[in-house]
N, C-alpha and C. Protein backbone atom coordinates (compact mmCIF):
# COMPACT_ATOMS: atom_id res chain seq x y z
N MET A 1 -5.20 38.35 -20.45
CA MET A 1 -4.61 37.01 -20.49
C MET A 1 -5.53 36.03 -19.76
N ALA A 2 -5.84 34.91 -20.40
CA ALA A 2 -6.70 33.91 -19.78
C ALA A 2 -5.99 33.26 -18.60
N GLU A 3 -6.77 32.77 -17.66
CA GLU A 3 -6.22 32.14 -16.46
C GLU A 3 -6.38 30.63 -16.56
N GLN A 4 -5.29 29.91 -16.33
CA GLN A 4 -5.32 28.45 -16.39
C GLN A 4 -5.73 27.89 -15.04
N SER A 5 -6.78 27.09 -15.02
CA SER A 5 -7.24 26.45 -13.78
C SER A 5 -6.49 25.15 -13.57
N VAL A 6 -5.87 25.01 -12.40
CA VAL A 6 -5.05 23.84 -12.09
C VAL A 6 -5.53 23.21 -10.79
N LYS A 7 -6.00 21.99 -10.86
CA LYS A 7 -6.45 21.27 -9.67
C LYS A 7 -5.27 20.54 -9.04
N VAL A 8 -5.07 20.78 -7.74
CA VAL A 8 -3.98 20.16 -7.00
C VAL A 8 -4.56 19.46 -5.77
N VAL A 9 -4.14 18.23 -5.54
CA VAL A 9 -4.57 17.50 -4.35
C VAL A 9 -3.37 17.32 -3.43
N ILE A 10 -3.59 17.49 -2.13
CA ILE A 10 -2.53 17.33 -1.14
C ILE A 10 -2.82 16.06 -0.34
N LEU A 11 -1.87 15.13 -0.36
CA LEU A 11 -2.04 13.82 0.27
C LEU A 11 -0.93 13.56 1.27
N GLY A 12 -1.22 12.71 2.26
CA GLY A 12 -0.23 12.34 3.26
C GLY A 12 -0.90 11.96 4.57
N GLU A 13 -0.10 11.46 5.49
CA GLU A 13 -0.61 11.03 6.78
C GLU A 13 -1.13 12.20 7.61
N SER A 14 -1.99 11.88 8.54
CA SER A 14 -2.49 12.89 9.47
C SER A 14 -1.33 13.46 10.29
N GLY A 15 -1.30 14.77 10.46
CA GLY A 15 -0.28 15.40 11.29
C GLY A 15 0.96 15.88 10.56
N VAL A 16 1.05 15.67 9.24
CA VAL A 16 2.26 16.10 8.53
C VAL A 16 2.22 17.59 8.16
N GLY A 17 1.03 18.21 8.25
CA GLY A 17 0.94 19.63 7.98
C GLY A 17 0.34 19.99 6.64
N LYS A 18 -0.50 19.12 6.10
CA LYS A 18 -1.11 19.39 4.79
C LYS A 18 -1.97 20.66 4.81
N SER A 19 -2.85 20.76 5.78
CA SER A 19 -3.72 21.93 5.88
C SER A 19 -2.92 23.19 6.15
N SER A 20 -1.88 23.07 6.94
CA SER A 20 -1.05 24.23 7.25
C SER A 20 -0.31 24.72 6.02
N LEU A 21 0.12 23.80 5.17
CA LEU A 21 0.77 24.19 3.92
C LEU A 21 -0.19 24.97 3.03
N ALA A 22 -1.41 24.42 2.88
CA ALA A 22 -2.41 25.09 2.05
C ALA A 22 -2.74 26.47 2.61
N LEU A 23 -2.92 26.56 3.92
CA LEU A 23 -3.27 27.82 4.56
C LEU A 23 -2.14 28.84 4.41
N ARG A 24 -0.91 28.39 4.59
CA ARG A 24 0.23 29.30 4.45
C ARG A 24 0.32 29.84 3.02
N PHE A 25 0.10 28.98 2.03
CA PHE A 25 0.18 29.42 0.64
C PHE A 25 -0.94 30.40 0.30
N VAL A 26 -2.15 30.08 0.72
CA VAL A 26 -3.31 30.88 0.30
C VAL A 26 -3.42 32.18 1.09
N THR A 27 -3.19 32.14 2.40
CA THR A 27 -3.42 33.32 3.24
C THR A 27 -2.16 33.85 3.93
N ASP A 28 -1.04 33.11 3.80
CA ASP A 28 0.20 33.45 4.49
C ASP A 28 0.01 33.49 6.00
N GLU A 29 -0.82 32.58 6.51
CA GLU A 29 -1.06 32.47 7.95
C GLU A 29 -0.62 31.08 8.43
N PHE A 30 -0.41 31.00 9.74
CA PHE A 30 -0.10 29.72 10.37
C PHE A 30 -0.88 29.61 11.67
N ARG A 31 -1.58 28.50 11.82
CA ARG A 31 -2.35 28.25 13.04
C ARG A 31 -1.79 27.00 13.72
N PRO A 32 -1.09 27.16 14.85
CA PRO A 32 -0.42 26.01 15.48
C PRO A 32 -1.37 24.96 16.03
N TYR A 33 -2.57 25.35 16.41
CA TYR A 33 -3.51 24.38 16.98
C TYR A 33 -4.87 24.53 16.32
N SER A 34 -5.34 23.45 15.71
CA SER A 34 -6.65 23.47 15.06
C SER A 34 -7.13 22.04 14.87
N GLU A 35 -8.40 21.91 14.51
CA GLU A 35 -8.99 20.59 14.38
C GLU A 35 -8.52 19.89 13.11
N ALA A 36 -8.55 18.57 13.15
CA ALA A 36 -8.17 17.78 11.98
C ALA A 36 -9.18 17.95 10.86
N THR A 37 -8.69 17.88 9.64
CA THR A 37 -9.58 17.98 8.48
C THR A 37 -10.50 16.77 8.42
N ILE A 38 -11.75 17.01 8.10
CA ILE A 38 -12.73 15.94 7.94
C ILE A 38 -13.04 15.80 6.45
N GLY A 39 -12.69 14.66 5.88
CA GLY A 39 -12.92 14.44 4.45
C GLY A 39 -11.93 15.21 3.62
N ALA A 40 -12.23 16.46 3.36
CA ALA A 40 -11.32 17.34 2.61
C ALA A 40 -11.79 18.77 2.76
N SER A 41 -10.88 19.71 2.53
CA SER A 41 -11.25 21.11 2.48
C SER A 41 -10.72 21.69 1.17
N PHE A 42 -11.30 22.80 0.77
CA PHE A 42 -10.96 23.39 -0.53
C PHE A 42 -10.50 24.82 -0.36
N MET A 43 -9.44 25.17 -1.07
CA MET A 43 -8.93 26.54 -1.10
C MET A 43 -8.51 26.86 -2.52
N SER A 44 -8.40 28.14 -2.82
CA SER A 44 -7.93 28.53 -4.15
C SER A 44 -7.07 29.79 -4.05
N LYS A 45 -6.16 29.90 -4.98
CA LYS A 45 -5.31 31.08 -5.06
C LYS A 45 -4.75 31.20 -6.48
N SER A 46 -4.68 32.42 -6.97
CA SER A 46 -4.10 32.66 -8.29
C SER A 46 -2.71 33.24 -8.14
N MET A 47 -1.84 32.89 -9.07
CA MET A 47 -0.50 33.45 -9.09
C MET A 47 -0.04 33.60 -10.54
N THR A 48 0.84 34.56 -10.77
CA THR A 48 1.38 34.80 -12.10
C THR A 48 2.79 34.24 -12.18
N ILE A 49 3.04 33.44 -13.21
CA ILE A 49 4.35 32.84 -13.41
C ILE A 49 5.05 33.57 -14.56
N THR A 50 6.17 34.22 -14.23
CA THR A 50 6.96 34.92 -15.22
C THR A 50 8.05 34.01 -15.74
N PRO A 51 8.22 33.91 -17.04
CA PRO A 51 9.23 32.99 -17.58
C PRO A 51 10.65 33.37 -17.20
N THR A 52 11.47 32.35 -16.95
CA THR A 52 12.89 32.57 -16.70
C THR A 52 13.58 32.90 -18.02
N ASN A 53 14.86 33.24 -17.96
CA ASN A 53 15.60 33.55 -19.19
C ASN A 53 15.62 32.36 -20.13
N ASP A 54 15.82 31.16 -19.57
CA ASP A 54 15.82 29.95 -20.41
C ASP A 54 14.45 29.75 -21.05
N GLU A 55 13.39 29.99 -20.27
CA GLU A 55 12.04 29.81 -20.80
C GLU A 55 11.72 30.86 -21.87
N LYS A 56 12.28 32.06 -21.70
CA LYS A 56 12.07 33.10 -22.71
C LYS A 56 12.70 32.70 -24.03
N GLU A 57 13.87 32.03 -23.96
CA GLU A 57 14.52 31.56 -25.17
C GLU A 57 13.66 30.51 -25.89
N GLN A 58 12.84 29.80 -25.11
CA GLN A 58 11.94 28.82 -25.69
C GLN A 58 10.59 29.43 -26.04
N LYS A 59 10.54 30.77 -25.99
CA LYS A 59 9.35 31.54 -26.35
C LYS A 59 8.18 31.29 -25.41
N SER A 60 8.50 30.97 -24.14
CA SER A 60 7.45 30.84 -23.13
C SER A 60 6.94 32.23 -22.75
N THR A 61 5.69 32.31 -22.40
CA THR A 61 5.08 33.59 -22.04
C THR A 61 4.60 33.56 -20.60
N GLU A 62 4.29 34.73 -20.08
CA GLU A 62 3.75 34.84 -18.72
C GLU A 62 2.43 34.09 -18.63
N ARG A 63 2.23 33.37 -17.51
CA ARG A 63 1.01 32.59 -17.33
C ARG A 63 0.34 32.95 -16.02
N ASN A 64 -0.98 33.05 -16.05
CA ASN A 64 -1.77 33.23 -14.84
C ASN A 64 -2.37 31.88 -14.46
N ILE A 65 -2.04 31.42 -13.27
CA ILE A 65 -2.46 30.11 -12.79
C ILE A 65 -3.45 30.28 -11.64
N SER A 66 -4.58 29.61 -11.73
CA SER A 66 -5.53 29.57 -10.63
C SER A 66 -5.49 28.18 -10.00
N PHE A 67 -4.86 28.08 -8.84
CA PHE A 67 -4.75 26.80 -8.15
C PHE A 67 -6.06 26.49 -7.42
N LYS A 68 -6.62 25.33 -7.69
CA LYS A 68 -7.77 24.80 -6.96
C LYS A 68 -7.25 23.67 -6.09
N ILE A 69 -7.13 23.92 -4.80
CA ILE A 69 -6.40 23.03 -3.89
C ILE A 69 -7.36 22.22 -3.03
N TRP A 70 -7.26 20.91 -3.15
CA TRP A 70 -8.03 20.00 -2.30
C TRP A 70 -7.09 19.43 -1.25
N ASP A 71 -7.32 19.80 -0.01
CA ASP A 71 -6.55 19.33 1.14
C ASP A 71 -7.29 18.16 1.76
N THR A 72 -6.73 16.96 1.67
CA THR A 72 -7.43 15.76 2.11
C THR A 72 -7.10 15.39 3.54
N ALA A 73 -8.04 14.69 4.18
CA ALA A 73 -7.83 14.20 5.54
C ALA A 73 -6.82 13.05 5.52
N GLY A 74 -5.99 12.98 6.56
CA GLY A 74 -4.97 11.94 6.61
C GLY A 74 -5.38 10.69 7.34
N GLN A 75 -6.52 10.74 8.06
CA GLN A 75 -6.92 9.57 8.83
C GLN A 75 -7.30 8.41 7.91
N GLU A 76 -6.99 7.21 8.34
CA GLU A 76 -7.23 6.01 7.55
C GLU A 76 -8.70 5.86 7.19
N LYS A 77 -9.61 6.28 8.07
CA LYS A 77 -11.04 6.08 7.81
C LYS A 77 -11.53 6.89 6.62
N TYR A 78 -10.75 7.91 6.20
CA TYR A 78 -11.14 8.72 5.05
C TYR A 78 -10.38 8.33 3.79
N ARG A 79 -9.54 7.30 3.88
CA ARG A 79 -8.68 6.93 2.76
C ARG A 79 -9.49 6.58 1.51
N SER A 80 -10.63 5.93 1.70
CA SER A 80 -11.43 5.50 0.56
C SER A 80 -12.00 6.68 -0.23
N LEU A 81 -12.03 7.87 0.39
CA LEU A 81 -12.57 9.05 -0.29
C LEU A 81 -11.55 9.72 -1.21
N ALA A 82 -10.27 9.37 -1.03
CA ALA A 82 -9.21 10.08 -1.75
C ALA A 82 -9.39 10.08 -3.26
N PRO A 83 -9.82 8.96 -3.90
CA PRO A 83 -9.96 9.00 -5.37
C PRO A 83 -10.91 10.09 -5.86
N MET A 84 -11.91 10.45 -5.07
CA MET A 84 -12.82 11.51 -5.48
C MET A 84 -12.11 12.86 -5.59
N TYR A 85 -11.03 13.02 -4.81
CA TYR A 85 -10.33 14.29 -4.78
C TYR A 85 -9.16 14.34 -5.75
N TYR A 86 -8.46 13.20 -5.96
CA TYR A 86 -7.34 13.26 -6.90
C TYR A 86 -7.77 13.01 -8.34
N ARG A 87 -9.01 12.57 -8.55
CA ARG A 87 -9.51 12.40 -9.91
C ARG A 87 -9.54 13.75 -10.63
N GLY A 88 -8.97 13.81 -11.82
CA GLY A 88 -8.96 15.04 -12.59
C GLY A 88 -7.91 16.05 -12.17
N SER A 89 -7.04 15.67 -11.24
CA SER A 89 -6.00 16.60 -10.79
C SER A 89 -4.88 16.73 -11.81
N SER A 90 -4.26 17.89 -11.83
CA SER A 90 -3.06 18.10 -12.65
C SER A 90 -1.80 17.76 -11.86
N ALA A 91 -1.88 17.89 -10.53
CA ALA A 91 -0.71 17.64 -9.68
C ALA A 91 -1.14 17.11 -8.33
N ALA A 92 -0.25 16.36 -7.71
CA ALA A 92 -0.45 15.87 -6.35
C ALA A 92 0.78 16.21 -5.52
N ILE A 93 0.55 16.83 -4.37
CA ILE A 93 1.62 17.13 -3.42
C ILE A 93 1.56 16.07 -2.33
N LEU A 94 2.62 15.28 -2.21
CA LEU A 94 2.69 14.19 -1.25
C LEU A 94 3.58 14.63 -0.10
N VAL A 95 2.98 14.79 1.08
CA VAL A 95 3.65 15.44 2.19
C VAL A 95 4.05 14.43 3.26
N TYR A 96 5.27 14.60 3.78
CA TYR A 96 5.69 13.84 4.96
C TYR A 96 6.34 14.79 5.95
N ASP A 97 6.50 14.32 7.16
CA ASP A 97 7.09 15.08 8.25
C ASP A 97 8.55 14.64 8.39
N ILE A 98 9.50 15.56 8.24
CA ILE A 98 10.91 15.17 8.27
C ILE A 98 11.33 14.60 9.63
N ALA A 99 10.51 14.82 10.67
CA ALA A 99 10.82 14.30 12.00
C ALA A 99 10.08 13.00 12.30
N ASN A 100 9.36 12.46 11.31
CA ASN A 100 8.57 11.25 11.54
C ASN A 100 8.73 10.30 10.35
N PRO A 101 9.64 9.33 10.44
CA PRO A 101 9.93 8.45 9.30
C PRO A 101 8.75 7.61 8.85
N SER A 102 7.81 7.31 9.73
CA SER A 102 6.66 6.50 9.32
C SER A 102 5.81 7.24 8.29
N THR A 103 5.80 8.58 8.34
CA THR A 103 5.02 9.35 7.38
C THR A 103 5.67 9.31 6.00
N PHE A 104 6.99 9.15 5.97
CA PHE A 104 7.68 9.02 4.68
C PHE A 104 7.38 7.65 4.06
N ALA A 105 7.34 6.61 4.88
CA ALA A 105 6.99 5.28 4.38
C ALA A 105 5.57 5.26 3.85
N ALA A 106 4.64 5.92 4.55
CA ALA A 106 3.25 5.96 4.12
C ALA A 106 3.10 6.72 2.81
N LEU A 107 3.92 7.73 2.62
CA LEU A 107 3.88 8.52 1.39
C LEU A 107 4.13 7.64 0.17
N GLN A 108 5.00 6.65 0.31
CA GLN A 108 5.32 5.78 -0.81
C GLN A 108 4.11 4.93 -1.21
N ASP A 109 3.25 4.61 -0.25
CA ASP A 109 2.00 3.91 -0.58
C ASP A 109 1.10 4.79 -1.44
N TRP A 110 1.08 6.09 -1.14
CA TRP A 110 0.29 7.01 -1.95
C TRP A 110 0.80 7.07 -3.39
N VAL A 111 2.11 7.04 -3.54
CA VAL A 111 2.70 7.07 -4.88
C VAL A 111 2.25 5.84 -5.67
N THR A 112 2.27 4.68 -5.02
CA THR A 112 1.82 3.46 -5.68
C THR A 112 0.36 3.57 -6.10
N GLU A 113 -0.48 4.08 -5.20
CA GLU A 113 -1.90 4.23 -5.53
C GLU A 113 -2.12 5.18 -6.70
N LEU A 114 -1.40 6.30 -6.70
CA LEU A 114 -1.57 7.26 -7.79
C LEU A 114 -1.06 6.71 -9.11
N ASN A 115 0.01 5.94 -9.06
CA ASN A 115 0.52 5.33 -10.29
C ASN A 115 -0.48 4.33 -10.86
N ASN A 116 -1.19 3.64 -9.98
CA ASN A 116 -2.15 2.62 -10.42
C ASN A 116 -3.51 3.20 -10.78
N ASN A 117 -3.93 4.23 -10.05
CA ASN A 117 -5.31 4.71 -10.19
C ASN A 117 -5.45 6.19 -10.49
N GLY A 118 -4.36 6.93 -10.43
CA GLY A 118 -4.44 8.37 -10.63
C GLY A 118 -4.61 8.75 -12.09
N PRO A 119 -4.91 10.01 -12.35
CA PRO A 119 -5.10 10.47 -13.73
C PRO A 119 -3.79 10.44 -14.51
N PRO A 120 -3.85 10.23 -15.81
CA PRO A 120 -2.62 10.21 -16.62
C PRO A 120 -1.95 11.57 -16.64
N GLY A 121 -0.63 11.56 -16.68
CA GLY A 121 0.11 12.81 -16.75
C GLY A 121 0.17 13.59 -15.45
N LEU A 122 -0.20 12.94 -14.34
CA LEU A 122 -0.22 13.63 -13.04
C LEU A 122 1.20 14.01 -12.63
N VAL A 123 1.39 15.29 -12.30
CA VAL A 123 2.68 15.78 -11.81
C VAL A 123 2.76 15.53 -10.31
N LEU A 124 3.86 14.91 -9.86
CA LEU A 124 4.02 14.58 -8.45
C LEU A 124 5.06 15.49 -7.81
N ALA A 125 4.78 15.91 -6.58
CA ALA A 125 5.74 16.67 -5.79
C ALA A 125 5.90 15.99 -4.44
N ILE A 126 7.12 15.63 -4.08
CA ILE A 126 7.42 15.07 -2.77
C ILE A 126 7.84 16.23 -1.87
N CYS A 127 7.10 16.41 -0.78
CA CYS A 127 7.30 17.58 0.08
C CYS A 127 7.64 17.15 1.50
N GLY A 128 8.86 17.39 1.92
CA GLY A 128 9.25 17.16 3.31
C GLY A 128 8.93 18.39 4.13
N ASN A 129 7.87 18.33 4.91
CA ASN A 129 7.43 19.49 5.67
C ASN A 129 8.06 19.52 7.07
N LYS A 130 7.93 20.65 7.72
CA LYS A 130 8.46 20.92 9.07
C LYS A 130 9.98 21.02 9.06
N SER A 131 10.52 21.68 8.05
CA SER A 131 11.97 21.88 7.98
C SER A 131 12.48 22.74 9.13
N ASP A 132 11.56 23.41 9.83
CA ASP A 132 11.96 24.18 11.02
C ASP A 132 12.36 23.28 12.18
N LEU A 133 12.05 21.98 12.07
CA LEU A 133 12.40 21.03 13.13
C LEU A 133 13.70 20.29 12.78
N GLU A 134 14.69 21.03 12.31
CA GLU A 134 15.94 20.42 11.87
C GLU A 134 16.60 19.60 12.97
N ASP A 135 16.53 20.06 14.20
CA ASP A 135 17.17 19.34 15.30
C ASP A 135 16.50 18.00 15.57
N ASP A 136 15.25 17.84 15.13
CA ASP A 136 14.52 16.59 15.35
C ASP A 136 14.43 15.75 14.08
N ARG A 137 15.15 16.13 13.05
CA ARG A 137 15.07 15.45 11.76
C ARG A 137 15.41 13.97 11.88
N MET A 138 14.55 13.13 11.23
CA MET A 138 14.80 11.69 11.17
C MET A 138 14.75 11.15 9.74
N VAL A 139 14.38 12.00 8.80
CA VAL A 139 14.42 11.63 7.38
C VAL A 139 15.37 12.61 6.69
N GLY A 140 16.51 12.11 6.25
CA GLY A 140 17.50 12.97 5.63
C GLY A 140 17.00 13.58 4.33
N ARG A 141 17.49 14.77 4.05
CA ARG A 141 17.10 15.43 2.81
C ARG A 141 17.46 14.58 1.60
N SER A 142 18.64 13.95 1.65
CA SER A 142 19.08 13.13 0.51
C SER A 142 18.15 11.94 0.29
N VAL A 143 17.54 11.43 1.36
CA VAL A 143 16.61 10.30 1.23
C VAL A 143 15.39 10.72 0.41
N GLY A 144 14.81 11.87 0.77
CA GLY A 144 13.66 12.37 0.03
C GLY A 144 14.03 12.74 -1.39
N GLN A 145 15.20 13.37 -1.56
CA GLN A 145 15.65 13.78 -2.89
C GLN A 145 15.84 12.57 -3.81
N GLU A 146 16.50 11.53 -3.31
CA GLU A 146 16.76 10.34 -4.12
C GLU A 146 15.47 9.63 -4.49
N TYR A 147 14.54 9.58 -3.55
CA TYR A 147 13.27 8.92 -3.85
C TYR A 147 12.51 9.69 -4.92
N ALA A 148 12.48 11.02 -4.80
CA ALA A 148 11.79 11.84 -5.79
C ALA A 148 12.40 11.66 -7.17
N GLU A 149 13.72 11.62 -7.23
CA GLU A 149 14.38 11.42 -8.53
C GLU A 149 14.02 10.07 -9.12
N ARG A 150 13.90 9.07 -8.26
CA ARG A 150 13.58 7.72 -8.73
C ARG A 150 12.20 7.63 -9.36
N ILE A 151 11.27 8.43 -8.86
CA ILE A 151 9.90 8.36 -9.40
C ILE A 151 9.60 9.56 -10.31
N ASN A 152 10.65 10.33 -10.63
CA ASN A 152 10.51 11.47 -11.54
C ASN A 152 9.55 12.52 -10.98
N ALA A 153 9.75 12.85 -9.72
CA ALA A 153 8.90 13.83 -9.04
C ALA A 153 9.72 15.05 -8.62
N LEU A 154 9.04 16.16 -8.45
CA LEU A 154 9.64 17.34 -7.86
C LEU A 154 9.92 17.06 -6.39
N PHE A 155 11.03 17.59 -5.86
CA PHE A 155 11.32 17.44 -4.42
C PHE A 155 11.58 18.81 -3.82
N ILE A 156 11.02 19.02 -2.63
CA ILE A 156 11.25 20.26 -1.91
C ILE A 156 10.98 20.04 -0.43
N GLU A 157 11.72 20.75 0.42
CA GLU A 157 11.43 20.76 1.85
C GLU A 157 10.85 22.12 2.22
N THR A 158 9.83 22.10 3.05
CA THR A 158 9.11 23.31 3.39
C THR A 158 8.91 23.41 4.90
N SER A 159 8.50 24.59 5.31
CA SER A 159 8.01 24.80 6.68
C SER A 159 6.76 25.65 6.60
N ALA A 160 5.62 25.04 6.88
CA ALA A 160 4.39 25.83 6.94
C ALA A 160 4.44 26.81 8.11
N LYS A 161 5.23 26.48 9.12
CA LYS A 161 5.30 27.33 10.31
C LYS A 161 5.98 28.67 10.00
N ASP A 162 7.15 28.62 9.34
CA ASP A 162 7.84 29.88 9.06
C ASP A 162 7.73 30.30 7.59
N GLY A 163 7.04 29.49 6.79
CA GLY A 163 6.78 29.86 5.41
C GLY A 163 7.86 29.47 4.41
N SER A 164 8.93 28.85 4.88
CA SER A 164 10.05 28.53 4.00
C SER A 164 9.62 27.64 2.82
N ASN A 165 9.89 28.09 1.62
CA ASN A 165 9.71 27.34 0.36
C ASN A 165 8.26 27.00 0.01
N VAL A 166 7.29 27.50 0.76
CA VAL A 166 5.90 27.16 0.45
C VAL A 166 5.47 27.77 -0.87
N GLU A 167 5.74 29.05 -1.05
CA GLU A 167 5.42 29.71 -2.32
C GLU A 167 6.20 29.06 -3.46
N ASP A 168 7.44 28.71 -3.18
CA ASP A 168 8.29 28.10 -4.20
C ASP A 168 7.75 26.74 -4.64
N LEU A 169 7.17 25.99 -3.72
CA LEU A 169 6.57 24.70 -4.05
C LEU A 169 5.53 24.87 -5.15
N PHE A 170 4.64 25.82 -4.98
CA PHE A 170 3.57 25.99 -5.96
C PHE A 170 4.06 26.64 -7.25
N SER A 171 5.03 27.52 -7.15
CA SER A 171 5.55 28.14 -8.37
C SER A 171 6.31 27.11 -9.21
N GLN A 172 7.03 26.19 -8.56
CA GLN A 172 7.71 25.14 -9.30
C GLN A 172 6.71 24.21 -9.97
N LEU A 173 5.64 23.87 -9.25
CA LEU A 173 4.59 23.06 -9.85
C LEU A 173 4.01 23.74 -11.08
N ALA A 174 3.75 25.04 -10.96
CA ALA A 174 3.15 25.78 -12.06
C ALA A 174 4.04 25.75 -13.30
N ARG A 175 5.35 25.75 -13.09
CA ARG A 175 6.27 25.72 -14.23
C ARG A 175 6.32 24.33 -14.89
N ILE A 176 6.07 23.29 -14.10
CA ILE A 176 6.12 21.93 -14.64
C ILE A 176 4.83 21.57 -15.37
N ILE A 177 3.70 22.01 -14.83
CA ILE A 177 2.40 21.67 -15.43
C ILE A 177 2.28 22.39 -16.77
N PRO A 178 2.07 21.64 -17.85
CA PRO A 178 2.00 22.29 -19.16
C PRO A 178 0.71 23.08 -19.33
N PRO A 179 0.76 24.12 -20.15
CA PRO A 179 -0.48 24.85 -20.44
C PRO A 179 -1.40 23.99 -21.28
N PRO A 180 -2.72 24.19 -21.18
CA PRO A 180 -3.64 23.41 -22.01
C PRO A 180 -3.50 23.81 -23.47
N ILE A 181 -3.93 22.94 -24.35
CA ILE A 181 -3.87 23.23 -25.78
C ILE A 181 -4.67 24.48 -26.09
N ASN A 182 -5.85 24.55 -25.47
CA ASN A 182 -6.69 25.74 -25.62
C ASN A 182 -6.87 26.34 -24.24
N LEU A 183 -6.11 27.39 -23.93
CA LEU A 183 -6.13 27.97 -22.60
C LEU A 183 -7.51 28.47 -22.20
N ASN A 184 -8.29 28.93 -23.18
CA ASN A 184 -9.63 29.43 -22.86
C ASN A 184 -10.53 28.36 -22.28
N GLU A 185 -10.27 27.09 -22.65
CA GLU A 185 -11.10 26.01 -22.15
C GLU A 185 -10.89 25.78 -20.67
N SER A 186 -9.70 26.14 -20.17
CA SER A 186 -9.41 25.91 -18.75
C SER A 186 -10.03 26.97 -17.85
N LEU A 187 -10.50 28.07 -18.45
CA LEU A 187 -11.02 29.17 -17.64
C LEU A 187 -12.23 28.76 -16.83
N GLU A 188 -13.13 27.96 -17.44
CA GLU A 188 -14.34 27.53 -16.76
C GLU A 188 -14.30 26.04 -16.47
N GLU A 189 -13.09 25.49 -16.40
CA GLU A 189 -12.92 24.06 -16.24
C GLU A 189 -13.48 23.58 -14.90
N ASP A 190 -14.21 22.47 -14.93
CA ASP A 190 -14.69 21.86 -13.70
C ASP A 190 -13.52 21.17 -13.03
N VAL A 191 -13.21 21.57 -11.78
CA VAL A 191 -12.00 21.07 -11.14
C VAL A 191 -12.24 19.79 -10.35
N GLY A 192 -13.42 19.25 -10.33
CA GLY A 192 -13.65 18.00 -9.60
C GLY A 192 -15.12 17.69 -9.50
N LEU A 193 -15.45 16.65 -8.77
CA LEU A 193 -16.83 16.28 -8.57
C LEU A 193 -17.55 17.30 -7.70
N ASP A 194 -18.84 17.38 -7.85
CA ASP A 194 -19.64 18.22 -6.96
C ASP A 194 -19.87 17.44 -5.68
N LEU A 195 -19.08 17.78 -4.67
CA LEU A 195 -19.10 17.02 -3.43
C LEU A 195 -19.85 17.76 -2.33
N GLY A 196 -20.59 18.80 -2.73
CA GLY A 196 -21.29 19.58 -1.72
C GLY A 196 -20.35 20.60 -1.11
N GLU A 197 -20.75 21.17 -0.02
CA GLU A 197 -19.96 22.19 0.65
C GLU A 197 -18.76 21.56 1.33
N PRO A 198 -17.52 21.90 0.91
CA PRO A 198 -16.36 21.30 1.52
C PRO A 198 -16.16 21.77 2.96
N VAL A 199 -15.58 20.91 3.77
CA VAL A 199 -15.32 21.26 5.15
C VAL A 199 -14.03 22.04 5.23
N GLN A 200 -14.04 23.18 5.92
CA GLN A 200 -12.88 24.05 5.97
C GLN A 200 -12.11 23.90 7.28
N SER A 201 -12.13 22.74 7.88
CA SER A 201 -11.40 22.53 9.13
C SER A 201 -9.92 22.36 8.85
N ARG A 202 -9.12 22.47 9.86
CA ARG A 202 -7.67 22.45 9.72
C ARG A 202 -7.07 21.33 10.54
N SER A 203 -5.89 20.87 10.10
CA SER A 203 -5.18 19.86 10.89
C SER A 203 -4.32 20.56 11.94
N GLY A 204 -4.16 19.94 13.06
CA GLY A 204 -3.40 20.57 14.14
C GLY A 204 -1.94 20.26 14.05
N CYS A 205 -1.28 20.79 13.01
CA CYS A 205 0.12 20.49 12.81
C CYS A 205 0.74 21.58 11.97
N CYS A 206 2.05 21.59 11.90
CA CYS A 206 2.75 22.61 11.14
C CYS A 206 3.52 22.00 9.99
């Protein structure tokens, strides 16, 4: 079975846990203290998506997905670099911290930018991270859910720290992203610009 290459960009303010989400998904690890991402870092992971009963009725078949994940820096000084990373993406994960309402407000600016400048057909996922900080929550789940519904995006709350819903985030994305017309063409698909050796630093957040 051919493997579908899917480019995913992770966007959001510094400190929301973008790098921790990527690390948890790819390696199932969590690092509570690490350096902030500079520019962007790149990771990849393959997963197999088995059709649900409803999908089987629609004659959907098992799919092998190779996620090419670009984790972008959240600092404002790197904002101008973001188009290089979301260009050609199939999906964008927009992350906020449920304990920090300013990160949710900033996320909405990213949505506007992607709507104006992002690739056509881009699948959006609104991700409220740090669900392990329920006692410190300042952005209600219903707030994130209603906003996601308004912009026709996937919504999920995750915890990179304890792993809650991280795998589910990517599996749901994989089910939403349509297969290419010719799956063989995606096998050697170029997932982005040649930006040189990506920086593999991490953000110091969960």
